[in-house]
Amino acid sequence: MAPRGRLLGLGVGPGDPELITLKALRLLREAPVVGYFVAKGKRGNAFGIIEAHLQAQQTLLPLVYPVTTEALPAPLSYEQVISDFYDEASLDVAAPLDAGRHVAVIPAGAPRSP
């Protein structure tokens, strides 16, 4: 059995593409798979920050939010739709990890310390 890949959660700074840390940039470039959160039909701020640093051989894994702020018709609830999305996204990220590939995931917002 092949060893599992490593999951890398990479913060990419406060929004200015020139402020990504050297460590995040190195890990981003080394990751064979890059996942990023994005709204339907949008490019996404986090993707805009990393786009110029991506390499042709990297596999992109867009994690597309099914909803953002729109109201949902009953019986749908925003909380349930988003919860289901995160469950599905975790499976999407797990697949390359299970195949032994490292995955860098770029959050949609700035990471916070607990």
Protein backbone atom coordinates (compact mmCIF):
# COMPACT_ATOMS: atom_id res chain seq x y z
CA MET A 1 0.00 0.00 0.00
CA ALA A 2 1.34 3.41 -1.01
CA PRO A 3 1.86 5.97 1.76
CA ARG A 4 -0.84 8.59 2.02
CA GLY A 5 -0.26 12.06 0.71
CA ARG A 6 0.10 15.03 3.02
CA LEU A 7 -2.61 17.66 3.44
CA LEU A 8 -1.23 21.20 3.49
CA GLY A 9 -3.50 24.04 4.59
CA LEU A 10 -1.89 27.16 3.17
CA GLY A 11 -2.84 30.70 4.04
CA VAL A 12 -1.88 33.02 1.22
CA GLY A 13 -1.77 36.33 3.02
CA PRO A 14 -4.10 39.25 3.55
CA GLY A 15 -5.11 39.64 -0.10
CA ASP A 16 -2.08 41.16 -1.79
CA PRO A 17 -0.40 38.53 -4.05
CA GLU A 18 3.00 39.98 -3.15
CA LEU A 19 2.51 39.17 0.55
CA ILE A 20 2.39 35.36 0.33
CA THR A 21 5.06 33.91 2.62
CA LEU A 22 8.09 32.18 1.17
CA LYS A 23 7.15 28.99 3.01
CA ALA A 24 3.58 28.99 1.62
CA LEU A 25 4.95 29.67 -1.86
CA ARG A 26 7.43 26.78 -1.60
CA LEU A 27 4.78 24.35 -0.34
CA LEU A 28 2.31 25.52 -2.99
CA ARG A 29 4.80 24.92 -5.79
CA GLU A 30 5.73 21.48 -4.40
CA ALA A 31 2.13 20.24 -4.13
CA PRO A 32 0.97 18.08 -7.05
CA VAL A 33 -2.69 18.92 -6.27
CA VAL A 34 -4.03 22.36 -5.34
CA GLY A 35 -7.52 22.71 -3.90
CA TYR A 36 -9.20 26.06 -3.47
CA PHE A 37 -12.63 27.28 -2.41
CA VAL A 38 -14.61 29.36 -4.87
CA ALA A 39 -18.17 30.53 -5.45
CA LYS A 40 -20.04 29.31 -8.53
CA GLY A 41 -19.05 31.26 -11.62
CA LYS A 42 -16.28 33.18 -9.84
CA ARG A 43 -12.52 33.03 -9.96
CA GLY A 44 -12.05 33.60 -6.24
CA ASN A 45 -9.69 35.92 -4.39
CA ALA A 46 -7.49 33.12 -3.04
CA PHE A 47 -7.10 31.63 -6.52
CA GLY A 48 -6.21 35.07 -7.88
CA ILE A 49 -3.37 35.26 -5.35
CA ILE A 50 -1.89 31.85 -6.25
CA GLU A 51 -2.65 31.68 -9.97
CA ALA A 52 0.65 33.19 -11.14
CA HIS A 53 2.58 30.72 -8.97
CA LEU A 54 0.95 27.55 -10.27
CA GLN A 55 2.75 25.14 -12.55
CA ALA A 56 1.34 23.34 -15.60
CA GLN A 57 1.80 19.87 -14.07
CA GLN A 58 -0.28 20.67 -10.98
CA THR A 59 -3.82 19.36 -10.79
CA LEU A 60 -6.34 22.01 -9.80
CA LEU A 61 -9.18 20.99 -7.50
CA PRO A 62 -11.78 23.77 -7.33
CA LEU A 63 -14.10 23.28 -4.36
CA VAL A 64 -17.16 25.15 -5.60
CA TYR A 65 -19.59 26.39 -2.99
CA PRO A 66 -23.15 25.34 -3.94
CA VAL A 67 -24.54 28.51 -2.33
CA THR A 68 -23.09 31.65 -0.85
CA THR A 69 -25.53 34.24 0.49
CA GLU A 70 -28.67 33.59 -1.52
CA ALA A 71 -31.90 32.58 0.21
CA LEU A 72 -32.93 28.98 -0.37
CA PRO A 73 -36.47 27.75 -0.91
CA ALA A 74 -37.98 25.53 1.78
CA PRO A 75 -37.25 22.82 2.78
CA LEU A 76 -33.58 23.55 1.98
CA SER A 77 -31.48 25.14 4.68
CA TYR A 78 -28.22 26.98 4.10
CA GLU A 79 -26.58 25.18 7.02
CA GLN A 80 -27.45 21.72 5.67
CA VAL A 81 -26.43 22.53 2.10
CA ILE A 82 -23.05 23.87 3.27
CA SER A 83 -22.55 20.96 5.67
CA ASP A 84 -23.17 18.51 2.83
CA PHE A 85 -20.79 20.49 0.61
CA TYR A 86 -17.97 20.24 3.15
CA ASP A 87 -18.58 16.49 3.49
CA GLU A 88 -18.30 16.10 -0.30
CA ALA A 89 -15.28 18.40 -0.50
CA SER A 90 -13.48 16.33 2.13
CA LEU A 91 -13.97 13.25 -0.05
CA ASP A 92 -12.69 15.14 -3.11
CA VAL A 93 -9.54 16.11 -1.18
CA ALA A 94 -9.14 12.62 0.31
CA ALA A 95 -9.00 10.88 -3.09
CA PRO A 96 -5.56 12.19 -4.14
CA LEU A 97 -4.30 11.88 -0.55
CA ASP A 98 -5.28 8.20 -0.56
CA ALA A 99 -3.38 7.85 -3.85
CA GLY A 100 -0.22 9.20 -2.18
CA ARG A 101 -0.33 12.71 -3.64
CA HIS A 102 0.17 15.81 -1.49
CA VAL A 103 -2.69 18.33 -1.60
CA ALA A 104 -2.35 22.02 -0.80
CA VAL A 105 -5.71 23.54 0.15
CA ILE A 106 -6.06 27.30 -0.01
CA PRO A 107 -8.78 28.69 2.30
CA ALA A 108 -11.22 31.29 1.04
CA GLY A 109 -10.34 33.67 3.88
CA ALA A 110 -7.42 34.45 6.11
CA PRO A 111 -6.53 31.62 8.52
CA ARG A 112 -6.87 32.43 12.20
CA SER A 113 -5.08 31.20 15.26
CA PRO A 114 -7.28 29.48 17.86
